[in-house]
């Protein structure tokens, strides 16, 4: 059964990974827009902590996740 997770994301790491994999740099605002568009809901903008369903976690690489915990 899927659950909801609170995940703190390293936005700069996503930028670095995108640069290495895609050869282009995306702004932090662009990454946050992508996260919102794929089912992430910003819970704490200061720490880049988001709420999302379990299946969305697969969109992130392990190195991009600073902390994750199940909330329900």
PDB file of N, CA and C in Angstrom:
ATOM      1  N   UNK A   1       0.840  -1.189   0.000  1.00  0.00           N
ATOM      2  CA  UNK A   1       0.000   0.000   0.000  1.00  0.00           C
ATOM      3  C   UNK A   1       0.881   1.246   0.000  1.00  0.00           C
ATOM      4  N   UNK A   2       0.612   2.143  -0.905  1.00  0.00           N
ATOM      5  CA  UNK A   2       1.399   3.371  -1.033  1.00  0.00           C
ATOM      6  C   UNK A   2       1.104   4.304   0.130  1.00  0.00           C
ATOM      7  N   UNK A   3       2.058   5.153   0.423  1.00  0.00           N
ATOM      8  CA  UNK A   3       1.895   6.110   1.499  1.00  0.00           C
ATOM      9  C   UNK A   3       2.363   7.481   1.066  1.00  0.00           C
ATOM     10  N   UNK A   4       2.200   8.423   1.974  1.00  0.00           N
ATOM     11  CA  UNK A   4       2.658   9.787   1.748  1.00  0.00           C
ATOM     12  C   UNK A   4       3.962   9.983   2.512  1.00  0.00           C
ATOM     13  N   UNK A   5       4.899  10.664   1.879  1.00  0.00           N
ATOM     14  CA  UNK A   5       6.223  10.865   2.454  1.00  0.00           C
ATOM     15  C   UNK A   5       6.574  12.342   2.510  1.00  0.00           C
ATOM     16  N   UNK A   6       7.334  12.682   3.536  1.00  0.00           N
ATOM     17  CA  UNK A   6       7.935  14.011   3.662  1.00  0.00           C
ATOM     18  C   UNK A   6       9.390  13.835   3.247  1.00  0.00           C
ATOM     19  N   UNK A   7       9.813  14.595   2.255  1.00  0.00           N
ATOM     20  CA  UNK A   7      11.162  14.432   1.723  1.00  0.00           C
ATOM     21  C   UNK A   7      11.847  15.800   1.591  1.00  0.00           C
ATOM     22  N   UNK A   8      13.041  15.885   2.148  1.00  0.00           N
ATOM     23  CA  UNK A   8      13.857  17.085   2.006  1.00  0.00           C
ATOM     24  C   UNK A   8      14.810  16.836   0.843  1.00  0.00           C
ATOM     25  N   UNK A   9      14.767  17.746  -0.116  1.00  0.00           N
ATOM     26  CA  UNK A   9      15.452  17.554  -1.393  1.00  0.00           C
ATOM     27  C   UNK A   9      16.611  18.533  -1.527  1.00  0.00           C
ATOM     28  N   UNK A  10      17.721  18.038  -2.054  1.00  0.00           N
ATOM     29  CA  UNK A  10      18.893  18.857  -2.351  1.00  0.00           C
ATOM     30  C   UNK A  10      18.742  19.385  -3.782  1.00  0.00           C
ATOM     31  N   UNK A  11      18.191  20.578  -3.901  1.00  0.00           N
ATOM     32  CA  UNK A  11      17.915  21.172  -5.214  1.00  0.00           C
ATOM     33  C   UNK A  11      19.212  21.370  -5.997  1.00  0.00           C
ATOM     34  N   UNK A  12      20.272  21.782  -5.318  1.00  0.00           N
ATOM     35  CA  UNK A  12      21.555  21.990  -6.005  1.00  0.00           C
ATOM     36  C   UNK A  12      22.098  20.676  -6.566  1.00  0.00           C
ATOM     37  N   UNK A  13      21.873  19.573  -5.869  1.00  0.00           N
ATOM     38  CA  UNK A  13      22.312  18.273  -6.360  1.00  0.00           C
ATOM     39  C   UNK A  13      21.536  17.882  -7.614  1.00  0.00           C
ATOM     40  N   UNK A  14      20.236  18.180  -7.643  1.00  0.00           N
ATOM     41  CA  UNK A  14      19.446  17.913  -8.855  1.00  0.00           C
ATOM     42  C   UNK A  14      20.030  18.727 -10.014  1.00  0.00           C
ATOM     43  N   UNK A  15      20.364  19.998  -9.757  1.00  0.00           N
ATOM     44  CA  UNK A  15      20.963  20.834 -10.798  1.00  0.00           C
ATOM     45  C   UNK A  15      22.249  20.207 -11.328  1.00  0.00           C
ATOM     46  N   UNK A  16      23.106  19.762 -10.441  1.00  0.00           N
ATOM     47  CA  UNK A  16      24.370  19.156 -10.835  1.00  0.00           C
ATOM     48  C   UNK A  16      24.146  17.872 -11.633  1.00  0.00           C
ATOM     49  N   UNK A  17      23.221  17.041 -11.162  1.00  0.00           N
ATOM     50  CA  UNK A  17      22.917  15.798 -11.869  1.00  0.00           C
ATOM     51  C   UNK A  17      22.355  16.077 -13.260  1.00  0.00           C
ATOM     52  N   UNK A  18      21.497  17.070 -13.374  1.00  0.00           N
ATOM     53  CA  UNK A  18      20.931  17.428 -14.684  1.00  0.00           C
ATOM     54  C   UNK A  18      22.031  17.930 -15.612  1.00  0.00           C
ATOM     55  N   UNK A  19      22.948  18.723 -15.085  1.00  0.00           N
ATOM     56  CA  UNK A  19      24.047  19.228 -15.897  1.00  0.00           C
ATOM     57  C   UNK A  19      24.905  18.072 -16.408  1.00  0.00           C
ATOM     58  N   UNK A  20      25.212  17.126 -15.530  1.00  0.00           N
ATOM     59  CA  UNK A  20      26.049  15.985 -15.909  1.00  0.00           C
ATOM     60  C   UNK A  20      25.345  15.041 -16.878  1.00  0.00           C
ATOM     61  N   UNK A  21      24.037  14.854 -16.705  1.00  0.00           N
ATOM     62  CA  UNK A  21      23.302  13.887 -17.525  1.00  0.00           C
ATOM     63  C   UNK A  21      22.753  14.487 -18.818  1.00  0.00           C
ATOM     64  N   UNK A  22      22.285  15.710 -18.725  1.00  0.00           N
ATOM     65  CA  UNK A  22      21.603  16.322 -19.865  1.00  0.00           C
ATOM     66  C   UNK A  22      22.456  17.367 -20.581  1.00  0.00           C
ATOM     67  N   UNK A  23      23.513  17.813 -19.911  1.00  0.00           N
ATOM     68  CA  UNK A  23      24.368  18.822 -20.512  1.00  0.00           C
ATOM     69  C   UNK A  23      23.827  20.233 -20.418  1.00  0.00           C
ATOM     70  N   UNK A  24      22.771  20.433 -19.647  1.00  0.00           N
ATOM     71  CA  UNK A  24      22.188  21.754 -19.483  1.00  0.00           C
ATOM     72  C   UNK A  24      21.858  22.025 -18.033  1.00  0.00           C
ATOM     73  N   UNK A  25      21.793  23.287 -17.698  1.00  0.00           N
ATOM     74  CA  UNK A  25      21.501  23.677 -16.324  1.00  0.00           C
ATOM     75  C   UNK A  25      20.070  24.206 -16.251  1.00  0.00           C
ATOM     76  N   UNK A  26      19.351  23.767 -15.239  1.00  0.00           N
ATOM     77  CA  UNK A  26      17.983  24.236 -14.991  1.00  0.00           C
ATOM     78  C   UNK A  26      18.013  25.076 -13.721  1.00  0.00           C
ATOM     79  N   UNK A  27      17.276  26.166 -13.713  1.00  0.00           N
ATOM     80  CA  UNK A  27      17.234  27.031 -12.528  1.00  0.00           C
ATOM     81  C   UNK A  27      16.568  26.312 -11.359  1.00  0.00           C
ATOM     82  N   UNK A  28      16.829  26.796 -10.160  1.00  0.00           N
ATOM     83  CA  UNK A  28      16.172  26.220  -8.987  1.00  0.00           C
ATOM     84  C   UNK A  28      14.660  26.380  -9.082  1.00  0.00           C
ATOM     85  N   UNK A  29      14.205  27.507  -9.592  1.00  0.00           N
ATOM     86  CA  UNK A  29      12.758  27.703  -9.783  1.00  0.00           C
ATOM     87  C   UNK A  29      12.204  26.707 -10.799  1.00  0.00           C
ATOM     88  N   UNK A  30      12.967  26.410 -11.834  1.00  0.00           N
ATOM     89  CA  UNK A  30      12.553  25.431 -12.828  1.00  0.00           C
ATOM     90  C   UNK A  30      12.440  24.035 -12.235  1.00  0.00           C
ATOM     91  N   UNK A  31      13.375  23.687 -11.374  1.00  0.00           N
ATOM     92  CA  UNK A  31      13.329  22.381 -10.709  1.00  0.00           C
ATOM     93  C   UNK A  31      12.134  22.305  -9.773  1.00  0.00           C
ATOM     94  N   UNK A  32      11.878  23.371  -9.032  1.00  0.00           N
ATOM     95  CA  UNK A  32      10.717  23.375  -8.136  1.00  0.00           C
ATOM     96  C   UNK A  32       9.410  23.276  -8.924  1.00  0.00           C
ATOM     97  N   UNK A  33       9.359  23.929 -10.077  1.00  0.00           N
ATOM     98  CA  UNK A  33       8.163  23.827 -10.930  1.00  0.00           C
ATOM     99  C   UNK A  33       7.996  22.392 -11.425  1.00  0.00           C
ATOM    100  N   UNK A  34       9.094  21.740 -11.804  1.00  0.00           N
ATOM    101  CA  UNK A  34       9.041  20.341 -12.237  1.00  0.00           C
ATOM    102  C   UNK A  34       8.539  19.446 -11.098  1.00  0.00           C
ATOM    103  N   UNK A  35       9.043  19.685  -9.882  1.00  0.00           N
ATOM    104  CA  UNK A  35       8.597  18.888  -8.736  1.00  0.00           C
ATOM    105  C   UNK A  35       7.087  19.053  -8.522  1.00  0.00           C
ATOM    106  N   UNK A  36       6.605  20.303  -8.547  1.00  0.00           N
ATOM    107  CA  UNK A  36       5.161  20.544  -8.383  1.00  0.00           C
ATOM    108  C   UNK A  36       4.362  19.850  -9.483  1.00  0.00           C
ATOM    109  N   UNK A  37       4.866  19.875 -10.694  1.00  0.00           N
ATOM    110  CA  UNK A  37       4.173  19.271 -11.823  1.00  0.00           C
ATOM    111  C   UNK A  37       4.154  17.751 -11.796  1.00  0.00           C
ATOM    112  N   UNK A  38       5.023  17.151 -10.987  1.00  0.00           N
ATOM    113  CA  UNK A  38       5.082  15.696 -10.912  1.00  0.00           C
ATOM    114  C   UNK A  38       4.512  15.149  -9.613  1.00  0.00           C
ATOM    115  N   UNK A  39       3.768  15.985  -8.870  1.00  0.00           N
ATOM    116  CA  UNK A  39       3.055  15.480  -7.704  1.00  0.00           C
ATOM    117  C   UNK A  39       3.665  15.800  -6.347  1.00  0.00           C
ATOM    118  N   UNK A  40       4.697  16.627  -6.319  1.00  0.00           N
ATOM    119  CA  UNK A  40       5.277  17.044  -5.050  1.00  0.00           C
ATOM    120  C   UNK A  40       4.590  18.328  -4.587  1.00  0.00           C
ATOM    121  N   UNK A  41       4.345  18.445  -3.280  1.00  0.00           N
ATOM    122  CA  UNK A  41       3.706  19.629  -2.699  1.00  0.00           C
ATOM    123  C   UNK A  41       4.685  20.222  -1.700  1.00  0.00           C
ATOM    124  N   UNK A  42       5.033  21.479  -1.876  1.00  0.00           N
ATOM    125  CA  UNK A  42       6.006  22.131  -1.011  1.00  0.00           C
ATOM    126  C   UNK A  42       5.435  22.316   0.390  1.00  0.00           C
ATOM    127  N   UNK A  43       6.091  21.720   1.375  1.00  0.00           N
ATOM    128  CA  UNK A  43       5.643  21.800   2.763  1.00  0.00           C
ATOM    129  C   UNK A  43       6.452  22.817   3.561  1.00  0.00           C
ATOM    130  N   UNK A  44       7.732  22.984   3.227  1.00  0.00           N
ATOM    131  CA  UNK A  44       8.619  23.905   3.938  1.00  0.00           C
ATOM    132  C   UNK A  44       9.604  24.501   2.940  1.00  0.00           C
ATOM    133  N   UNK A  45       9.319  25.712   2.456  1.00  0.00           N
ATOM    134  CA  UNK A  45      10.179  26.303   1.430  1.00  0.00           C
ATOM    135  C   UNK A  45      11.585  26.651   1.924  1.00  0.00           C
ATOM    136  N   UNK A  46      11.749  26.877   3.209  1.00  0.00           N
ATOM    137  CA  UNK A  46      13.061  27.224   3.750  1.00  0.00           C
ATOM    138  C   UNK A  46      14.030  26.048   3.609  1.00  0.00           C
ATOM    139  N   UNK A  47      13.534  24.840   3.856  1.00  0.00           N
ATOM    140  CA  UNK A  47      14.377  23.647   3.827  1.00  0.00           C
ATOM    141  C   UNK A  47      14.160  22.778   2.596  1.00  0.00           C
ATOM    142  N   UNK A  48      13.358  23.243   1.640  1.00  0.00           N
ATOM    143  CA  UNK A  48      13.007  22.447   0.460  1.00  0.00           C
ATOM    144  C   UNK A  48      12.486  21.076   0.858  1.00  0.00           C
ATOM    145  N   UNK A  49      11.523  21.085   1.777  1.00  0.00           N
ATOM    146  CA  UNK A  49      10.861  19.858   2.207  1.00  0.00           C
ATOM    147  C   UNK A  49       9.501  19.774   1.525  1.00  0.00           C
ATOM    148  N   UNK A  50       9.226  18.597   0.961  1.00  0.00           N
ATOM    149  CA  UNK A  50       8.054  18.381   0.141  1.00  0.00           C
ATOM    150  C   UNK A  50       7.265  17.182   0.647  1.00  0.00           C
ATOM    151  N   UNK A  51       5.981  17.145   0.337  1.00  0.00           N
ATOM    152  CA  UNK A  51       5.142  15.972   0.564  1.00  0.00           C
ATOM    153  C   UNK A  51       4.859  15.345  -0.786  1.00  0.00           C
ATOM    154  N   UNK A  52       4.878  14.023  -0.825  1.00  0.00           N
ATOM    155  CA  UNK A  52       4.588  13.338  -2.074  1.00  0.00           C
ATOM    156  C   UNK A  52       4.200  11.896  -1.803  1.00  0.00           C
ATOM    157  N   UNK A  53       3.600  11.286  -2.788  1.00  0.00           N
ATOM    158  CA  UNK A  53       3.249   9.878  -2.694  1.00  0.00           C
ATOM    159  C   UNK A  53       4.481   9.025  -2.991  1.00  0.00           C
ATOM    160  N   UNK A  54       4.468   7.814  -2.486  1.00  0.00           N
ATOM    161  CA  UNK A  54       5.612   6.914  -2.604  1.00  0.00           C
ATOM    162  C   UNK A  54       6.095   6.739  -4.044  1.00  0.00           C
ATOM    163  N   UNK A  55       5.166   6.608  -4.983  1.00  0.00           N
ATOM    164  CA  UNK A  55       5.582   6.348  -6.362  1.00  0.00           C
ATOM    165  C   UNK A  55       6.380   7.501  -6.969  1.00  0.00           C
ATOM    166  N   UNK A  56       6.221   8.717  -6.431  1.00  0.00           N
ATOM    167  CA  UNK A  56       6.963   9.854  -6.959  1.00  0.00           C
ATOM    168  C   UNK A  56       8.416   9.881  -6.499  1.00  0.00           C
ATOM    169  N   UNK A  57       8.731   9.177  -5.438  1.00  0.00           N
ATOM    170  CA  UNK A  57      10.109   9.159  -4.945  1.00  0.00           C
ATOM    171  C   UNK A  57      11.064   8.584  -5.982  1.00  0.00           C
ATOM    172  N   UNK A  58      10.567   7.734  -6.856  1.00  0.00           N
ATOM    173  CA  UNK A  58      11.417   7.112  -7.884  1.00  0.00           C
ATOM    174  C   UNK A  58      11.943   8.144  -8.880  1.00  0.00           C
ATOM    175  N   UNK A  59      11.353   9.329  -8.922  1.00  0.00           N
ATOM    176  CA  UNK A  59      11.805  10.378  -9.830  1.00  0.00           C
ATOM    177  C   UNK A  59      13.123  11.009  -9.371  1.00  0.00           C
ATOM    178  N   UNK A  60      13.460  10.777  -8.105  1.00  0.00           N
ATOM    179  CA  UNK A  60      14.677  11.359  -7.539  1.00  0.00           C
ATOM    180  C   UNK A  60      15.766  10.312  -7.408  1.00  0.00           C
ATOM    181  N   UNK A  61      17.004  10.741  -7.565  1.00  0.00           N
ATOM    182  CA  UNK A  61      18.127   9.868  -7.287  1.00  0.00           C
ATOM    183  C   UNK A  61      18.392   9.911  -5.781  1.00  0.00           C
ATOM    184  N   UNK A  62      18.944   8.843  -5.247  1.00  0.00           N
ATOM    185  CA  UNK A  62      19.229   8.792  -3.802  1.00  0.00           C
ATOM    186  C   UNK A  62      20.057   9.980  -3.349  1.00  0.00           C
ATOM    187  N   UNK A  63      21.009  10.395  -4.172  1.00  0.00           N
ATOM    188  CA  UNK A  63      21.893  11.501  -3.805  1.00  0.00           C
ATOM    189  C   UNK A  63      21.161  12.836  -3.695  1.00  0.00           C
ATOM    190  N   UNK A  64      19.955  12.927  -4.238  1.00  0.00           N
ATOM    191  CA  UNK A  64      19.180  14.161  -4.214  1.00  0.00           C
ATOM    192  C   UNK A  64      18.269  14.261  -2.998  1.00  0.00           C
ATOM    193  N   UNK A  65      18.170  13.176  -2.249  1.00  0.00           N
ATOM    194  CA  UNK A  65      17.308  13.126  -1.066  1.00  0.00           C
ATOM    195  C   UNK A  65      18.144  13.293   0.189  1.00  0.00           C
ATOM    196  N   UNK A  66      17.867  14.353   0.935  1.00  0.00           N
ATOM    197  CA  UNK A  66      18.597  14.601   2.176  1.00  0.00           C
ATOM    198  C   UNK A  66      17.960  13.866   3.348  1.00  0.00           C
ATOM    199  N   UNK A  67      16.630  13.795   3.325  1.00  0.00           N
ATOM    200  CA  UNK A  67      15.895  13.131   4.417  1.00  0.00           C
ATOM    201  C   UNK A  67      14.531  12.714   3.894  1.00  0.00           C
ATOM    202  N   UNK A  68      14.070  11.561   4.347  1.00  0.00           N
ATOM    203  CA  UNK A  68      12.742  11.092   3.936  1.00  0.00           C
ATOM    204  C   UNK A  68      12.098  10.359   5.104  1.00  0.00           C
ATOM    205  N   UNK A  69      10.806  10.597   5.295  1.00  0.00           N
ATOM    206  CA  UNK A  69      10.071   9.879   6.337  1.00  0.00           C
ATOM    207  C   UNK A  69       8.617   9.735   5.893  1.00  0.00           C
ATOM    208  N   UNK A  70       8.027   8.625   6.296  1.00  0.00           N
ATOM    209  CA  UNK A  70       6.618   8.357   5.960  1.00  0.00           C
ATOM    210  C   UNK A  70       5.738   9.127   6.942  1.00  0.00           C
ATOM    211  N   UNK A  71       4.724   9.799   6.406  1.00  0.00           N
ATOM    212  CA  UNK A  71       3.804  10.545   7.275  1.00  0.00           C
ATOM    213  C   UNK A  71       2.446   9.868   7.397  1.00  0.00           C
ATOM    214  N   UNK A  72       2.095   9.004   6.439  1.00  0.00           N
ATOM    215  CA  UNK A  72       0.860   8.194   6.536  1.00  0.00           C
ATOM    216  C   UNK A  72       0.827   7.157   5.464  1.00  0.00           C
TER     217      UNK A  72
END
